[in-house]
Amino acid sequence: CKTPTSSDHKIPEVTYTLCPPAPRKPKPNRSSGTKRKLTPVNVVNRIPIDLSREIEMFFEDLDRRIKKSRKQ
């Protein structure tokens, strides 16, 4: 056995000016069933909390501590 070496059997050279883009994963099809929906039970169990007083007290205390540390 001998490998054919004639020009008829050679693979032609191909020059590329640009490389092809990298393959990408296909995006999964999102159906409406995959997303989590709020049910009326979840909405009813929410309790509104007013933390405005606590937040004001926190920043007033923080402000006092900053002023106190600057005086020293």
PDB file of N, CA and C in Angstrom:
ATOM      1  N   CYS A   1       0.843  -1.190   0.000  1.00  0.00           N
ATOM      2  CA  CYS A   1       0.000   0.000   0.000  1.00  0.00           C
ATOM      3  C   CYS A   1       0.877   1.238   0.000  1.00  0.00           C
ATOM      4  N   LYS A   2       0.451   2.209  -0.737  1.00  0.00           N
ATOM      5  CA  LYS A   2       1.209   3.458  -0.823  1.00  0.00           C
ATOM      6  C   LYS A   2       0.219   4.631  -0.833  1.00  0.00           C
ATOM      7  N   THR A   3       0.538   5.680  -0.066  1.00  0.00           N
ATOM      8  CA  THR A   3      -0.305   6.867  -0.003  1.00  0.00           C
ATOM      9  C   THR A   3      -0.207   7.615  -1.323  1.00  0.00           C
ATOM     10  N   PRO A   4      -1.369   7.986  -1.914  1.00  0.00           N
ATOM     11  CA  PRO A   4      -1.303   8.735  -3.173  1.00  0.00           C
ATOM     12  C   PRO A   4      -0.738  10.132  -2.945  1.00  0.00           C
ATOM     13  N   THR A   5       0.185  10.539  -3.789  1.00  0.00           N
ATOM     14  CA  THR A   5       0.852  11.831  -3.618  1.00  0.00           C
ATOM     15  C   THR A   5       0.619  12.783  -4.776  1.00  0.00           C
ATOM     16  N   SER A   6      -0.170  12.398  -5.746  1.00  0.00           N
ATOM     17  CA  SER A   6      -0.399  13.291  -6.889  1.00  0.00           C
ATOM     18  C   SER A   6      -1.255  14.482  -6.474  1.00  0.00           C
ATOM     19  N   SER A   7      -1.227  15.541  -7.265  1.00  0.00           N
ATOM     20  CA  SER A   7      -1.980  16.764  -6.947  1.00  0.00           C
ATOM     21  C   SER A   7      -3.487  16.521  -6.980  1.00  0.00           C
ATOM     22  N   ASP A   8      -3.935  15.515  -7.683  1.00  0.00           N
ATOM     23  CA  ASP A   8      -5.369  15.186  -7.727  1.00  0.00           C
ATOM     24  C   ASP A   8      -5.885  14.712  -6.358  1.00  0.00           C
ATOM     25  N   HIS A   9      -5.004  14.142  -5.566  1.00  0.00           N
ATOM     26  CA  HIS A   9      -5.414  13.581  -4.282  1.00  0.00           C
ATOM     27  C   HIS A   9      -5.137  14.499  -3.089  1.00  0.00           C
ATOM     28  N   LYS A  10      -4.537  15.645  -3.331  1.00  0.00           N
ATOM     29  CA  LYS A  10      -4.192  16.548  -2.221  1.00  0.00           C
ATOM     30  C   LYS A  10      -5.398  17.397  -1.831  1.00  0.00           C
ATOM     31  N   ILE A  11      -5.476  17.702  -0.539  1.00  0.00           N
ATOM     32  CA  ILE A  11      -6.541  18.575  -0.034  1.00  0.00           C
ATOM     33  C   ILE A  11      -6.148  20.014  -0.346  1.00  0.00           C
ATOM     34  N   PRO A  12      -7.023  20.767  -1.003  1.00  0.00           N
ATOM     35  CA  PRO A  12      -6.659  22.150  -1.354  1.00  0.00           C
ATOM     36  C   PRO A  12      -6.513  23.021  -0.103  1.00  0.00           C
ATOM     37  N   GLU A  13      -5.589  23.974  -0.196  1.00  0.00           N
ATOM     38  CA  GLU A  13      -5.384  24.902   0.914  1.00  0.00           C
ATOM     39  C   GLU A  13      -6.489  25.956   0.906  1.00  0.00           C
ATOM     40  N   VAL A  14      -6.998  26.240   2.069  1.00  0.00           N
ATOM     41  CA  VAL A  14      -8.043  27.244   2.194  1.00  0.00           C
ATOM     42  C   VAL A  14      -7.531  28.314   3.142  1.00  0.00           C
ATOM     43  N   THR A  15      -7.595  29.549   2.734  1.00  0.00           N
ATOM     44  CA  THR A  15      -7.171  30.654   3.600  1.00  0.00           C
ATOM     45  C   THR A  15      -8.414  31.368   4.106  1.00  0.00           C
ATOM     46  N   TYR A  16      -8.466  31.537   5.407  1.00  0.00           N
ATOM     47  CA  TYR A  16      -9.596  32.227   6.038  1.00  0.00           C
ATOM     48  C   TYR A  16      -9.153  33.619   6.436  1.00  0.00           C
ATOM     49  N   THR A  17      -9.970  34.587   6.123  1.00  0.00           N
ATOM     50  CA  THR A  17      -9.649  35.946   6.545  1.00  0.00           C
ATOM     51  C   THR A  17     -10.136  36.180   7.974  1.00  0.00           C
ATOM     52  N   LEU A  18     -11.257  35.557   8.331  1.00  0.00           N
ATOM     53  CA  LEU A  18     -11.790  35.684   9.684  1.00  0.00           C
ATOM     54  C   LEU A  18     -12.106  34.301  10.229  1.00  0.00           C
ATOM     55  N   CYS A  19     -11.870  34.130  11.498  1.00  0.00           N
ATOM     56  CA  CYS A  19     -12.238  32.869  12.126  1.00  0.00           C
ATOM     57  C   CYS A  19     -13.744  32.859  12.368  1.00  0.00           C
ATOM     58  N   PRO A  20     -14.352  31.717  12.272  1.00  0.00           N
ATOM     59  CA  PRO A  20     -15.791  31.660  12.550  1.00  0.00           C
ATOM     60  C   PRO A  20     -16.037  31.899  14.038  1.00  0.00           C
ATOM     61  N   PRO A  21     -17.223  32.402  14.399  1.00  0.00           N
ATOM     62  CA  PRO A  21     -17.497  32.664  15.815  1.00  0.00           C
ATOM     63  C   PRO A  21     -17.566  31.359  16.605  1.00  0.00           C
ATOM     64  N   ALA A  22     -17.298  31.486  17.898  1.00  0.00           N
ATOM     65  CA  ALA A  22     -17.357  30.323  18.777  1.00  0.00           C
ATOM     66  C   ALA A  22     -18.785  29.809  18.867  1.00  0.00           C
ATOM     67  N   PRO A  23     -18.948  28.514  18.998  1.00  0.00           N
ATOM     68  CA  PRO A  23     -20.305  27.979  19.122  1.00  0.00           C
ATOM     69  C   PRO A  23     -20.938  28.426  20.437  1.00  0.00           C
ATOM     70  N   ARG A  24     -22.225  28.643  20.422  1.00  0.00           N
ATOM     71  CA  ARG A  24     -22.936  29.091  21.624  1.00  0.00           C
ATOM     72  C   ARG A  24     -23.971  28.065  22.023  1.00  0.00           C
ATOM     73  N   LYS A  25     -24.214  28.037  23.318  1.00  0.00           N
ATOM     74  CA  LYS A  25     -25.256  27.148  23.817  1.00  0.00           C
ATOM     75  C   LYS A  25     -26.614  27.687  23.383  1.00  0.00           C
ATOM     76  N   PRO A  26     -27.515  26.831  23.004  1.00  0.00           N
ATOM     77  CA  PRO A  26     -28.850  27.326  22.666  1.00  0.00           C
ATOM     78  C   PRO A  26     -29.565  27.803  23.921  1.00  0.00           C
ATOM     79  N   LYS A  27     -30.306  28.887  23.776  1.00  0.00           N
ATOM     80  CA  LYS A  27     -31.045  29.422  24.915  1.00  0.00           C
ATOM     81  C   LYS A  27     -32.213  28.501  25.240  1.00  0.00           C
ATOM     82  N   PRO A  28     -32.391  28.231  26.525  1.00  0.00           N
ATOM     83  CA  PRO A  28     -33.515  27.353  26.883  1.00  0.00           C
ATOM     84  C   PRO A  28     -34.843  28.059  26.656  1.00  0.00           C
ATOM     85  N   ASN A  29     -35.823  27.298  26.209  1.00  0.00           N
ATOM     86  CA  ASN A  29     -37.158  27.860  26.018  1.00  0.00           C
ATOM     87  C   ASN A  29     -37.812  28.006  27.382  1.00  0.00           C
ATOM     88  N   ARG A  30     -38.214  29.205  27.694  1.00  0.00           N
ATOM     89  CA  ARG A  30     -38.866  29.444  28.981  1.00  0.00           C
ATOM     90  C   ARG A  30     -40.365  29.427  28.787  1.00  0.00           C
ATOM     91  N   SER A  31     -40.971  28.489  29.423  1.00  0.00           N
ATOM     92  CA  SER A  31     -42.425  28.452  29.356  1.00  0.00           C
ATOM     93  C   SER A  31     -42.984  29.208  30.551  1.00  0.00           C
ATOM     94  N   SER A  32     -44.239  29.509  30.533  1.00  0.00           N
ATOM     95  CA  SER A  32     -44.840  30.285  31.619  1.00  0.00           C
ATOM     96  C   SER A  32     -44.861  29.503  32.925  1.00  0.00           C
ATOM     97  N   GLY A  33     -44.719  28.200  32.866  1.00  0.00           N
ATOM     98  CA  GLY A  33     -44.757  27.387  34.080  1.00  0.00           C
ATOM     99  C   GLY A  33     -43.461  27.392  34.859  1.00  0.00           C
ATOM    100  N   THR A  34     -42.356  27.876  34.280  1.00  0.00           N
ATOM    101  CA  THR A  34     -41.079  27.825  34.985  1.00  0.00           C
ATOM    102  C   THR A  34     -40.902  28.987  35.953  1.00  0.00           C
ATOM    103  N   LYS A  35     -41.582  30.075  35.742  1.00  0.00           N
ATOM    104  CA  LYS A  35     -41.445  31.216  36.633  1.00  0.00           C
ATOM    105  C   LYS A  35     -42.338  31.039  37.850  1.00  0.00           C
ATOM    106  N   ARG A  36     -41.839  31.499  38.970  1.00  0.00           N
ATOM    107  CA  ARG A  36     -42.616  31.405  40.198  1.00  0.00           C
ATOM    108  C   ARG A  36     -43.628  32.548  40.229  1.00  0.00           C
ATOM    109  N   LYS A  37     -44.840  32.227  40.485  1.00  0.00           N
ATOM    110  CA  LYS A  37     -45.905  33.232  40.519  1.00  0.00           C
ATOM    111  C   LYS A  37     -46.374  33.421  41.950  1.00  0.00           C
ATOM    112  N   LEU A  38     -46.780  34.644  42.257  1.00  0.00           N
ATOM    113  CA  LEU A  38     -47.340  34.913  43.579  1.00  0.00           C
ATOM    114  C   LEU A  38     -48.774  34.406  43.612  1.00  0.00           C
ATOM    115  N   THR A  39     -49.023  33.614  44.579  1.00  0.00           N
ATOM    116  CA  THR A  39     -50.389  33.132  44.742  1.00  0.00           C
ATOM    117  C   THR A  39     -51.076  34.028  45.756  1.00  0.00           C
ATOM    118  N   PRO A  40     -52.381  34.038  45.804  1.00  0.00           N
ATOM    119  CA  PRO A  40     -53.074  34.872  46.791  1.00  0.00           C
ATOM    120  C   PRO A  40     -52.653  34.569  48.221  1.00  0.00           C
ATOM    121  N   VAL A  41     -52.245  33.336  48.518  1.00  0.00           N
ATOM    122  CA  VAL A  41     -51.803  32.989  49.877  1.00  0.00           C
ATOM    123  C   VAL A  41     -50.559  33.781  50.243  1.00  0.00           C
ATOM    124  N   ASN A  42     -49.598  33.894  49.297  1.00  0.00           N
ATOM    125  CA  ASN A  42     -48.370  34.639  49.568  1.00  0.00           C
ATOM    126  C   ASN A  42     -48.654  36.119  49.785  1.00  0.00           C
ATOM    127  N   VAL A  43     -49.600  36.656  49.071  1.00  0.00           N
ATOM    128  CA  VAL A  43     -49.919  38.075  49.190  1.00  0.00           C
ATOM    129  C   VAL A  43     -50.606  38.340  50.529  1.00  0.00           C
ATOM    130  N   VAL A  44     -51.459  37.454  50.975  1.00  0.00           N
ATOM    131  CA  VAL A  44     -52.191  37.643  52.222  1.00  0.00           C
ATOM    132  C   VAL A  44     -51.260  37.564  53.426  1.00  0.00           C
ATOM    133  N   ASN A  45     -50.218  36.740  53.365  1.00  0.00           N
ATOM    134  CA  ASN A  45     -49.325  36.550  54.499  1.00  0.00           C
ATOM    135  C   ASN A  45     -48.330  37.684  54.705  1.00  0.00           C
ATOM    136  N   ARG A  46     -48.280  38.642  53.834  1.00  0.00           N
ATOM    137  CA  ARG A  46     -47.351  39.760  53.990  1.00  0.00           C
ATOM    138  C   ARG A  46     -47.909  40.748  55.007  1.00  0.00           C
ATOM    139  N   ILE A  47     -47.028  41.193  55.917  1.00  0.00           N
ATOM    140  CA  ILE A  47     -47.437  42.135  56.956  1.00  0.00           C
ATOM    141  C   ILE A  47     -46.633  43.418  56.771  1.00  0.00           C
ATOM    142  N   PRO A  48     -47.297  44.533  56.541  1.00  0.00           N
ATOM    143  CA  PRO A  48     -46.552  45.793  56.404  1.00  0.00           C
ATOM    144  C   PRO A  48     -45.988  46.228  57.760  1.00  0.00           C
ATOM    145  N   ILE A  49     -44.734  46.650  57.757  1.00  0.00           N
ATOM    146  CA  ILE A  49     -44.070  47.092  58.984  1.00  0.00           C
ATOM    147  C   ILE A  49     -43.534  48.497  58.746  1.00  0.00           C
ATOM    148  N   ASP A  50     -43.823  49.389  59.666  1.00  0.00           N
ATOM    149  CA  ASP A  50     -43.319  50.755  59.582  1.00  0.00           C
ATOM    150  C   ASP A  50     -42.085  50.855  60.469  1.00  0.00           C
ATOM    151  N   LEU A  51     -40.926  50.968  59.857  1.00  0.00           N
ATOM    152  CA  LEU A  51     -39.668  51.051  60.601  1.00  0.00           C
ATOM    153  C   LEU A  51     -39.075  52.453  60.555  1.00  0.00           C
ATOM    154  N   SER A  52     -39.867  53.430  60.209  1.00  0.00           N
ATOM    155  CA  SER A  52     -39.336  54.785  60.060  1.00  0.00           C
ATOM    156  C   SER A  52     -38.785  55.321  61.381  1.00  0.00           C
ATOM    157  N   ARG A  53     -39.465  55.058  62.508  1.00  0.00           N
ATOM    158  CA  ARG A  53     -38.968  55.540  63.812  1.00  0.00           C
ATOM    159  C   ARG A  53     -37.623  54.910  64.137  1.00  0.00           C
ATOM    160  N   GLU A  54     -37.522  53.599  63.937  1.00  0.00           N
ATOM    161  CA  GLU A  54     -36.271  52.910  64.243  1.00  0.00           C
ATOM    162  C   GLU A  54     -35.123  53.406  63.368  1.00  0.00           C
ATOM    163  N   ILE A  55     -35.423  53.682  62.115  1.00  0.00           N
ATOM    164  CA  ILE A  55     -34.388  54.172  61.205  1.00  0.00           C
ATOM    165  C   ILE A  55     -33.936  55.566  61.627  1.00  0.00           C
ATOM    166  N   GLU A  56     -34.885  56.434  61.977  1.00  0.00           N
ATOM    167  CA  GLU A  56     -34.534  57.781  62.443  1.00  0.00           C
ATOM    168  C   GLU A  56     -33.679  57.710  63.704  1.00  0.00           C
ATOM    169  N   MET A  57     -34.063  56.846  64.649  1.00  0.00           N
ATOM    170  CA  MET A  57     -33.291  56.708  65.887  1.00  0.00           C
ATOM    171  C   MET A  57     -31.886  56.189  65.602  1.00  0.00           C
ATOM    172  N   PHE A  58     -31.763  55.263  64.668  1.00  0.00           N
ATOM    173  CA  PHE A  58     -30.453  54.721  64.316  1.00  0.00           C
ATOM    174  C   PHE A  58     -29.541  55.825  63.789  1.00  0.00           C
ATOM    175  N   PHE A  59     -30.061  56.657  62.866  1.00  0.00           N
ATOM    176  CA  PHE A  59     -29.217  57.691  62.281  1.00  0.00           C
ATOM    177  C   PHE A  59     -28.936  58.825  63.261  1.00  0.00           C
ATOM    178  N   GLU A  60     -29.867  59.128  64.147  1.00  0.00           N
ATOM    179  CA  GLU A  60     -29.599  60.143  65.166  1.00  0.00           C
ATOM    180  C   GLU A  60     -28.482  59.668  66.084  1.00  0.00           C
ATOM    181  N   ASP A  61     -28.541  58.390  66.494  1.00  0.00           N
ATOM    182  CA  ASP A  61     -27.504  57.833  67.352  1.00  0.00           C
ATOM    183  C   ASP A  61     -26.162  57.791  66.620  1.00  0.00           C
ATOM    184  N   LEU A  62     -26.189  57.437  65.368  1.00  0.00           N
ATOM    185  CA  LEU A  62     -24.972  57.394  64.568  1.00  0.00           C
ATOM    186  C   LEU A  62     -24.381  58.791  64.435  1.00  0.00           C
ATOM    187  N   ASP A  63     -25.220  59.780  64.207  1.00  0.00           N
ATOM    188  CA  ASP A  63     -24.768  61.162  64.086  1.00  0.00           C
ATOM    189  C   ASP A  63     -24.114  61.632  65.386  1.00  0.00           C
ATOM    190  N   ARG A  64     -24.740  61.298  66.541  1.00  0.00           N
ATOM    191  CA  ARG A  64     -24.154  61.664  67.839  1.00  0.00           C
ATOM    192  C   ARG A  64     -22.784  61.021  68.024  1.00  0.00           C
ATOM    193  N   ARG A  65     -22.646  59.768  67.654  1.00  0.00           N
ATOM    194  CA  ARG A  65     -21.368  59.071  67.822  1.00  0.00           C
ATOM    195  C   ARG A  65     -20.284  59.677  66.934  1.00  0.00           C
ATOM    196  N   ILE A  66     -20.654  60.066  65.719  1.00  0.00           N
ATOM    197  CA  ILE A  66     -19.679  60.670  64.826  1.00  0.00           C
ATOM    198  C   ILE A  66     -19.210  62.007  65.370  1.00  0.00           C
ATOM    199  N   LYS A  67     -20.158  62.824  65.825  1.00  0.00           N
ATOM    200  CA  LYS A  67     -19.800  64.136  66.376  1.00  0.00           C
ATOM    201  C   LYS A  67     -18.941  63.977  67.630  1.00  0.00           C
ATOM    202  N   LYS A  68     -19.263  62.999  68.453  1.00  0.00           N
ATOM    203  CA  LYS A  68     -18.506  62.753  69.690  1.00  0.00           C
ATOM    204  C   LYS A  68     -17.087  62.320  69.362  1.00  0.00           C
ATOM    205  N   SER A  69     -16.918  61.451  68.368  1.00  0.00           N
ATOM    206  CA  SER A  69     -15.570  60.978  68.016  1.00  0.00           C
ATOM    207  C   SER A  69     -14.740  62.081  67.369  1.00  0.00           C
ATOM    208  N   ARG A  70     -15.365  63.045  66.708  1.00  0.00           N
ATOM    209  CA  ARG A  70     -14.626  64.148  66.085  1.00  0.00           C
ATOM    210  C   ARG A  70     -14.140  65.147  67.132  1.00  0.00           C
ATOM    211  N   LYS A  71     -14.886  65.273  68.231  1.00  0.00           N
ATOM    212  CA  LYS A  71     -14.481  66.204  69.285  1.00  0.00           C
ATOM    213  C   LYS A  71     -13.228  65.724  70.008  1.00  0.00           C
ATOM    214  N   GLN A  72     -13.044  64.423  70.081  1.00  0.00           N
ATOM    215  CA  GLN A  72     -11.899  63.866  70.831  1.00  0.00           C
ATOM    216  C   GLN A  72     -10.644  63.986  70.090  1.00  0.00           C
TER     217      GLN A  72
END
